C-alpha atoms as a PDB file:
ATOM      1  CA  MET A   1      23.020 -10.900   0.806  1.00  0.00           C
ATOM      2  CA  PRO A   2      21.175  -8.425  -1.448  1.00  0.00           C
ATOM      3  CA  ARG A   3      21.887  -4.724  -1.269  1.00  0.00           C
ATOM      4  CA  LEU A   4      18.843  -2.485  -1.039  1.00  0.00           C
ATOM      5  CA  THR A   5      19.024   0.948  -2.655  1.00  0.00           C
ATOM      6  CA  ARG A   6      16.761   3.951  -3.121  1.00  0.00           C
ATOM      7  CA  ASP A   7      16.750   6.426  -5.973  1.00  0.00           C
ATOM      8  CA  ALA A   8      16.268  10.205  -5.663  1.00  0.00           C
ATOM      9  CA  GLN A   9      12.476   9.759  -5.398  1.00  0.00           C
ATOM     10  CA  GLY A  10      12.783   7.116  -2.687  1.00  0.00           C
ATOM     11  CA  THR A  11      11.853   4.169  -4.923  1.00  0.00           C
ATOM     12  CA  PRO A  12      13.553   1.036  -3.639  1.00  0.00           C
ATOM     13  CA  GLY A  13      15.829  -1.153  -5.722  1.00  0.00           C
ATOM     14  CA  ILE A  14      17.643  -4.435  -5.153  1.00  0.00           C
ATOM     15  CA  LEU A  15      21.153  -5.397  -6.196  1.00  0.00           C
ATOM     16  CA  ALA A  16      21.693  -9.143  -5.881  1.00  0.00           C
ATOM     17  CA  ALA A  17      24.160 -11.779  -7.024  1.00  0.00           C
ATOM     18  CA  ASN A  18      21.421 -14.233  -7.993  1.00  0.00           C
ATOM     19  CA  ALA A  19      17.662 -14.735  -8.184  1.00  0.00           C
ATOM     20  CA  ARG A  20      17.428 -16.192  -4.685  1.00  0.00           C
ATOM     21  CA  GLU A  21      18.993 -13.089  -3.146  1.00  0.00           C
ATOM     22  CA  ALA A  22      16.826 -10.839  -5.299  1.00  0.00           C
ATOM     23  CA  TRP A  23      13.638 -12.554  -4.119  1.00  0.00           C
ATOM     24  CA  ALA A  24      14.832 -12.318  -0.515  1.00  0.00           C
ATOM     25  CA  GLY A  25      15.192  -8.568  -1.038  1.00  0.00           C
ATOM     26  CA  VAL A  26      11.724  -8.351  -2.567  1.00  0.00           C
ATOM     27  CA  GLY A  27      10.323 -10.205   0.458  1.00  0.00           C
ATOM     28  CA  TRP A  28      12.041  -7.859   2.880  1.00  0.00           C
ATOM     29  CA  LEU A  29      10.774  -4.774   1.033  1.00  0.00           C
ATOM     30  CA  HIS A  30       7.266  -6.198   0.866  1.00  0.00           C
ATOM     31  CA  GLY A  31       7.273  -6.910   4.598  1.00  0.00           C
ATOM     32  CA  ARG A  32       8.574  -3.429   5.337  1.00  0.00           C
ATOM     33  CA  HIS A  33       5.881  -1.616   3.316  1.00  0.00           C
ATOM     34  CA  ARG A  34       2.925  -3.987   3.642  1.00  0.00           C
ATOM     35  CA  PRO A  35       1.517  -2.693   6.969  1.00  0.00           C
ATOM     36  CA  LEU A  36       0.882   0.790   5.561  1.00  0.00           C
ATOM     37  CA  GLN A  37      -0.690  -0.667   2.427  1.00  0.00           C
ATOM     38  CA  ALA A  38      -2.970  -2.868   4.528  1.00  0.00           C
ATOM     39  CA  LEU A  39      -4.099   0.097   6.651  1.00  0.00           C
ATOM     40  CA  LEU A  40      -4.826   2.247   3.599  1.00  0.00           C
ATOM     41  CA  LEU A  41      -6.699  -0.495   1.736  1.00  0.00           C
ATOM     42  CA  GLY A  42      -8.771  -1.272   4.823  1.00  0.00           C
ATOM     43  CA  ALA A  43      -9.690   2.395   5.277  1.00  0.00           C
ATOM     44  CA  ALA A  44     -10.553   2.662   1.578  1.00  0.00           C
ATOM     45  CA  GLY A  45     -12.751  -0.435   1.720  1.00  0.00           C
ATOM     46  CA  ARG A  46     -14.638   0.957   4.711  1.00  0.00           C
ATOM     47  CA  GLY A  47     -15.055   4.345   3.010  1.00  0.00           C
ATOM     48  CA  ARG A  48     -13.069   6.172   5.698  1.00  0.00           C
ATOM     49  CA  LEU A  49     -10.035   7.557   3.848  1.00  0.00           C
ATOM     50  CA  SER A  50     -11.136  11.198   3.999  1.00  0.00           C
ATOM     51  CA  GLU A  51     -12.092  10.821   7.667  1.00  0.00           C
ATOM     52  CA  LEU A  52      -8.782   9.267   8.698  1.00  0.00           C
ATOM     53  CA  LEU A  53      -6.360  11.110   6.396  1.00  0.00           C
ATOM     54  CA  ALA A  54      -7.731  14.421   5.122  1.00  0.00           C
ATOM     55  CA  PRO A  55     -11.020  15.733   3.711  1.00  0.00           C
ATOM     56  CA  LEU A  56      -9.637  16.055   0.174  1.00  0.00           C
ATOM     57  CA  ALA A  57     -11.818  15.776  -2.929  1.00  0.00           C
ATOM     58  CA  PRO A  58     -10.102  12.652  -4.349  1.00  0.00           C
ATOM     59  CA  LEU A  59     -10.427  10.829  -1.013  1.00  0.00           C
ATOM     60  CA  LEU A  60     -14.059  11.917  -0.641  1.00  0.00           C
ATOM     61  CA  ALA A  61     -14.706  10.528  -4.136  1.00  0.00           C
ATOM     62  CA  LEU A  62     -13.150   7.169  -3.183  1.00  0.00           C
ATOM     63  CA  ASP A  63     -15.202   7.067   0.009  1.00  0.00           C
ATOM     64  CA  ALA A  64     -18.371   7.779  -1.974  1.00  0.00           C
ATOM     65  CA  LEU A  65     -17.502   4.997  -4.435  1.00  0.00           C
ATOM     66  CA  SER A  66     -16.975   2.580  -1.562  1.00  0.00           C
ATOM     67  CA  SER A  67     -20.405   3.505  -0.253  1.00  0.00           C
ATOM     68  CA  ARG A  68     -22.084   3.178  -3.672  1.00  0.00           C
ATOM     69  CA  LEU A  69     -20.527  -0.254  -4.165  1.00  0.00           C
ATOM     70  CA  ASP A  70     -21.518  -1.202  -0.599  1.00  0.00           C
ATOM     71  CA  LEU A  71     -18.012  -2.516   0.035  1.00  0.00           C
ATOM     72  CA  PRO A  72     -18.248  -2.660   3.846  1.00  0.00           C
ATOM     73  CA  ALA A  73     -21.322  -4.935   3.682  1.00  0.00           C
ATOM     74  CA  ARG A  74     -19.796  -7.053   0.909  1.00  0.00           C
ATOM     75  CA  GLY A  75     -16.631  -7.446   2.968  1.00  0.00           C
ATOM     76  CA  ALA A  76     -18.588  -8.623   5.964  1.00  0.00           C
END
């Protein structure tokens, strides 16, 4: 069974005896973090990051880009 670690910044790592265990650890980490990524990417694609998270300049810029590229309509 792989051992999952985190460094001082919270970045995950995997210690495994072989490649199969390492990939099992990667799969577990991916499954653990994927829901947040999916929510953020969906909000970004709809141009709603600043509305849902915070009205910060970088998020407003991403929302404006999503609108300019017409991502919600292209996604539909």
